[in-house]
């Protein structure tokens, strides 16, 4: 990722540093963008599922951001502003390349998982009978690759709100603005995403032998 960061910000530093309007305290766009570039690239990878497309999307996001930077009124919101630009640019990129953004009808999504509780399941199955930190011990079983695999299994429309709030630390209101959704819709999707994440973590742990269930003990 270092090469991407260095290349993109180096390309932008010269012209931006010489053409900054607005309040004197406003930092050059290249400096501001550099602060968020690693996370922006990670978000673009999740949007495109392809490092090459993510590189193109980062470049397009930075170019759009550079052109619009002087119109950004609240510099404290620059991170969410960049992510929103990336979200819109991804739609344009997919259209230009004849790709469809993965969508799923809500009617076709099984709602049974909404009743699943990871904490209750862990308490009942008790995979660590001598643990004083049952839930933490369960989460410690997962490596980064395991978590990425579980995240990848979540329905895309529910995954993005999780990525923005859990991975990147945006508030629900900020995530709704980035995705251009009403706050109520964002909250509903976030709830469904969390439930899919809980169920996904448990199913992954069972399937990959990270825990032993009661049924297996009885065989």
Protein backbone atom coordinates (compact mmCIF):
# COMPACT_ATOMS: atom_id res chain seq x y z
CA UNK A 1 0.00 0.00 0.00
CA UNK A 2 2.96 2.35 0.55
CA UNK A 3 3.61 2.66 -3.17
CA UNK A 4 -0.02 3.61 -3.83
CA UNK A 5 -0.01 6.21 -1.08
CA UNK A 6 3.28 7.74 -2.14
CA UNK A 7 2.41 7.80 -5.83
CA UNK A 8 -1.04 9.30 -5.47
CA UNK A 9 -0.08 12.00 -2.99
CA UNK A 10 3.12 12.84 -4.87
CA UNK A 11 1.11 13.35 -8.05
CA UNK A 12 -1.20 15.76 -6.26
CA UNK A 13 1.13 17.71 -3.98
CA UNK A 14 2.55 20.19 -6.47
CA UNK A 15 -0.55 21.73 -8.01
CA UNK A 16 -2.63 21.55 -4.85
CA UNK A 17 -0.05 23.15 -2.62
CA UNK A 18 0.15 26.12 -5.00
CA UNK A 19 -3.61 26.59 -5.38
CA UNK A 20 -5.21 26.52 -1.97
CA UNK A 21 -7.97 29.07 -1.47
CA UNK A 22 -10.20 29.70 1.50
CA UNK A 23 -9.19 30.16 5.15
CA UNK A 24 -5.50 30.51 5.84
CA UNK A 25 -5.53 27.59 8.27
CA UNK A 26 -6.80 25.14 5.66
CA UNK A 27 -4.21 22.48 4.94
CA UNK A 28 -3.29 21.51 1.37
CA UNK A 29 -5.49 18.74 0.01
CA UNK A 30 -2.50 16.41 -0.47
CA UNK A 31 -1.70 16.56 3.25
CA UNK A 32 -5.32 15.99 4.24
CA UNK A 33 -5.74 13.11 1.79
CA UNK A 34 -2.52 11.47 2.97
CA UNK A 35 -3.92 11.25 6.51
CA UNK A 36 -6.80 9.04 5.31
CA UNK A 37 -5.34 7.27 2.29
CA UNK A 38 -4.67 3.87 3.86
CA UNK A 39 -8.23 3.57 5.14
CA UNK A 40 -9.64 4.99 1.92
CA UNK A 41 -7.76 2.35 -0.07
CA UNK A 42 -9.03 -0.40 2.25
CA UNK A 43 -12.59 0.83 1.76
CA UNK A 44 -12.11 0.88 -2.02
CA UNK A 45 -10.82 -2.70 -1.94
CA UNK A 46 -13.99 -3.76 -0.13
CA UNK A 47 -16.14 -1.85 -2.62
CA UNK A 48 -14.50 -3.35 -5.71
CA UNK A 49 -13.19 -6.71 -4.40
CA UNK A 50 -10.19 -6.17 -6.67
CA UNK A 51 -6.89 -4.40 -5.82
CA UNK A 52 -6.43 -3.08 -9.36
CA UNK A 53 -9.94 -1.63 -9.49
CA UNK A 54 -9.38 -0.25 -5.99
CA UNK A 55 -6.27 1.57 -7.17
CA UNK A 56 -8.26 3.15 -10.01
CA UNK A 57 -11.05 4.06 -7.61
CA UNK A 58 -8.64 5.72 -5.18
CA UNK A 59 -7.18 7.76 -8.01
CA UNK A 60 -10.62 8.87 -9.21
CA UNK A 61 -11.65 9.71 -5.64
CA UNK A 62 -8.58 11.84 -5.11
CA UNK A 63 -9.07 13.69 -8.39
CA UNK A 64 -12.70 14.44 -7.57
CA UNK A 65 -11.74 15.43 -4.05
CA UNK A 66 -9.03 17.76 -5.31
CA UNK A 67 -11.50 19.56 -7.58
CA UNK A 68 -14.13 19.91 -4.86
CA UNK A 69 -11.87 20.54 -1.86
CA UNK A 70 -12.31 24.31 -1.83
CA UNK A 71 -16.08 23.83 -1.51
CA UNK A 72 -15.77 21.63 1.59
CA UNK A 73 -17.01 23.84 4.42
CA UNK A 74 -16.27 21.64 7.42
CA UNK A 75 -12.74 20.27 7.20
CA UNK A 76 -13.36 18.07 10.26
CA UNK A 77 -15.66 15.93 8.10
CA UNK A 78 -13.11 15.31 5.36
CA UNK A 79 -12.85 11.56 6.04
CA UNK A 80 -16.56 10.93 5.55
CA UNK A 81 -16.54 13.32 2.60
CA UNK A 82 -13.79 11.28 0.88
CA UNK A 83 -15.60 8.02 1.57
CA UNK A 84 -18.81 9.44 0.08
CA UNK A 85 -16.89 10.49 -3.04
CA UNK A 86 -15.45 6.97 -3.27
CA UNK A 87 -18.94 5.47 -2.94
CA UNK A 88 -20.29 7.60 -5.79
CA UNK A 89 -17.20 7.06 -7.92
CA UNK A 90 -17.52 3.28 -7.48
CA UNK A 91 -21.01 3.37 -8.99
CA UNK A 92 -19.69 5.32 -11.97
CA UNK A 93 -16.76 2.93 -12.33
CA UNK A 94 -19.02 -0.11 -12.34
CA UNK A 95 -21.34 1.45 -14.91
CA UNK A 96 -18.44 2.41 -17.16
CA UNK A 97 -17.12 -1.15 -17.07
CA UNK A 98 -20.50 -2.74 -17.57
CA UNK A 99 -20.63 -4.22 -14.10
CA UNK A 100 -23.61 -4.38 -11.80
CA UNK A 101 -23.38 -3.55 -8.11
CA UNK A 102 -24.39 -6.69 -6.23
CA UNK A 103 -27.90 -6.27 -4.84
CA UNK A 104 -30.32 -8.66 -3.20
CA UNK A 105 -34.07 -8.38 -2.81
CA UNK A 106 -35.01 -8.00 0.86
CA UNK A 107 -37.84 -10.47 0.27
CA UNK A 108 -35.33 -13.14 -0.72
CA UNK A 109 -33.25 -12.78 2.43
CA UNK A 110 -33.93 -15.26 5.18
CA UNK A 111 -34.91 -13.34 8.31
CA UNK A 112 -34.53 -16.36 10.62
CA UNK A 113 -30.97 -15.29 11.38
CA UNK A 114 -32.32 -12.14 13.02
CA UNK A 115 -33.33 -14.26 16.00
CA UNK A 116 -29.85 -15.75 16.42
CA UNK A 117 -27.80 -14.49 19.38
CA UNK A 118 -24.10 -15.26 19.42
CA UNK A 119 -23.78 -14.50 23.13
CA UNK A 120 -26.68 -16.78 24.07
CA UNK A 121 -25.36 -19.57 21.84
CA UNK A 122 -21.88 -19.35 23.36
CA UNK A 123 -23.35 -19.39 26.87
CA UNK A 124 -25.44 -22.49 26.09
CA UNK A 125 -22.71 -24.38 24.23
CA UNK A 126 -20.06 -23.26 26.76
CA UNK A 127 -17.03 -24.10 24.58
CA UNK A 128 -14.66 -22.83 27.30
CA UNK A 129 -16.10 -24.27 30.55
CA UNK A 130 -13.27 -22.93 32.73
CA UNK A 131 -13.15 -19.45 31.21
CA UNK A 132 -14.00 -16.22 33.01
CA UNK A 133 -14.04 -14.40 29.65
CA UNK A 134 -16.20 -16.69 27.57
CA UNK A 135 -17.09 -14.29 24.76
CA UNK A 136 -13.62 -12.78 24.54
CA UNK A 137 -12.05 -16.23 24.38
CA UNK A 138 -14.39 -17.04 21.50
CA UNK A 139 -13.39 -13.93 19.55
CA UNK A 140 -9.70 -14.64 20.19
CA UNK A 141 -10.08 -17.83 18.12
CA UNK A 142 -10.35 -15.76 14.93
CA UNK A 143 -7.36 -14.64 12.90
CA UNK A 144 -7.58 -11.65 10.56
CA UNK A 145 -8.16 -13.96 7.58
CA UNK A 146 -10.99 -15.69 9.44
CA UNK A 147 -12.72 -12.38 10.15
CA UNK A 148 -12.31 -11.29 6.54
CA UNK A 149 -13.86 -14.56 5.38
CA UNK A 150 -16.88 -14.04 7.65
CA UNK A 151 -17.29 -10.43 6.56
CA UNK A 152 -17.15 -11.57 2.95
CA UNK A 153 -20.08 -13.92 3.53
CA UNK A 154 -22.42 -11.14 4.69
CA UNK A 155 -24.99 -9.87 2.20
CA UNK A 156 -23.36 -6.81 0.52
CA UNK A 157 -26.22 -4.43 1.27
CA UNK A 158 -25.79 -5.22 4.98
CA UNK A 159 -21.99 -5.46 4.89
CA UNK A 160 -21.27 -1.85 3.91
CA UNK A 161 -22.94 -0.30 6.99
CA UNK A 162 -20.92 -2.69 9.16
CA UNK A 163 -17.67 -1.81 7.40
CA UNK A 164 -18.29 1.92 7.82
CA UNK A 165 -19.31 1.78 11.48
CA UNK A 166 -17.30 -1.15 12.87
CA UNK A 167 -14.15 -1.05 10.74
CA UNK A 168 -13.85 2.66 9.99
CA UNK A 169 -15.52 4.08 13.09
CA UNK A 170 -18.16 6.29 11.49
CA UNK A 171 -21.29 7.13 13.44
CA UNK A 172 -24.58 5.77 12.11
CA UNK A 173 -25.51 9.27 10.93
CA UNK A 174 -22.21 9.62 9.06
CA UNK A 175 -22.55 6.15 7.51
CA UNK A 176 -26.07 6.99 6.34
CA UNK A 177 -24.76 10.14 4.66
CA UNK A 178 -21.93 8.27 2.95
CA UNK A 179 -24.31 5.63 1.60
CA UNK A 180 -26.99 8.25 0.82
CA UNK A 181 -29.58 6.41 2.91
CA UNK A 182 -32.22 7.56 5.40
CA UNK A 183 -30.96 6.99 8.93
CA UNK A 184 -33.77 4.50 9.65
CA UNK A 185 -32.80 2.40 6.63
CA UNK A 186 -29.16 2.46 7.68
CA UNK A 187 -30.06 1.31 11.20
CA UNK A 188 -32.20 -1.52 9.85
CA UNK A 189 -29.43 -2.72 7.56
CA UNK A 190 -26.87 -2.41 10.32
CA UNK A 191 -29.01 -4.60 12.59
CA UNK A 192 -29.34 -7.24 9.89
CA UNK A 193 -25.62 -7.05 9.18
CA UNK A 194 -24.73 -7.52 12.83
CA UNK A 195 -26.99 -10.54 13.07
CA UNK A 196 -25.42 -12.04 9.94
CA UNK A 197 -21.99 -11.34 11.42
CA UNK A 198 -22.90 -13.10 14.67
CA UNK A 199 -24.30 -16.11 12.85
CA UNK A 200 -21.37 -16.12 10.44
CA UNK A 201 -18.81 -16.12 13.25
CA UNK A 202 -20.50 -19.06 14.98
CA UNK A 203 -21.01 -21.09 11.80
CA UNK A 204 -17.41 -20.46 10.74
CA UNK A 205 -16.11 -21.54 14.14
CA UNK A 206 -18.14 -24.77 14.04
CA UNK A 207 -17.37 -25.58 10.40
CA UNK A 208 -13.64 -25.02 10.84
CA UNK A 209 -13.36 -26.86 14.13
CA UNK A 210 -12.58 -23.81 16.24
CA UNK A 211 -15.19 -24.91 18.79
CA UNK A 212 -16.89 -28.19 19.68
CA UNK A 213 -20.65 -28.13 19.95
CA UNK A 214 -22.86 -30.13 22.29
CA UNK A 215 -24.05 -32.37 19.45
CA UNK A 216 -20.47 -33.28 18.58
CA UNK A 217 -19.69 -34.10 22.20
CA UNK A 218 -22.56 -36.58 22.28
CA UNK A 219 -21.40 -38.55 19.22
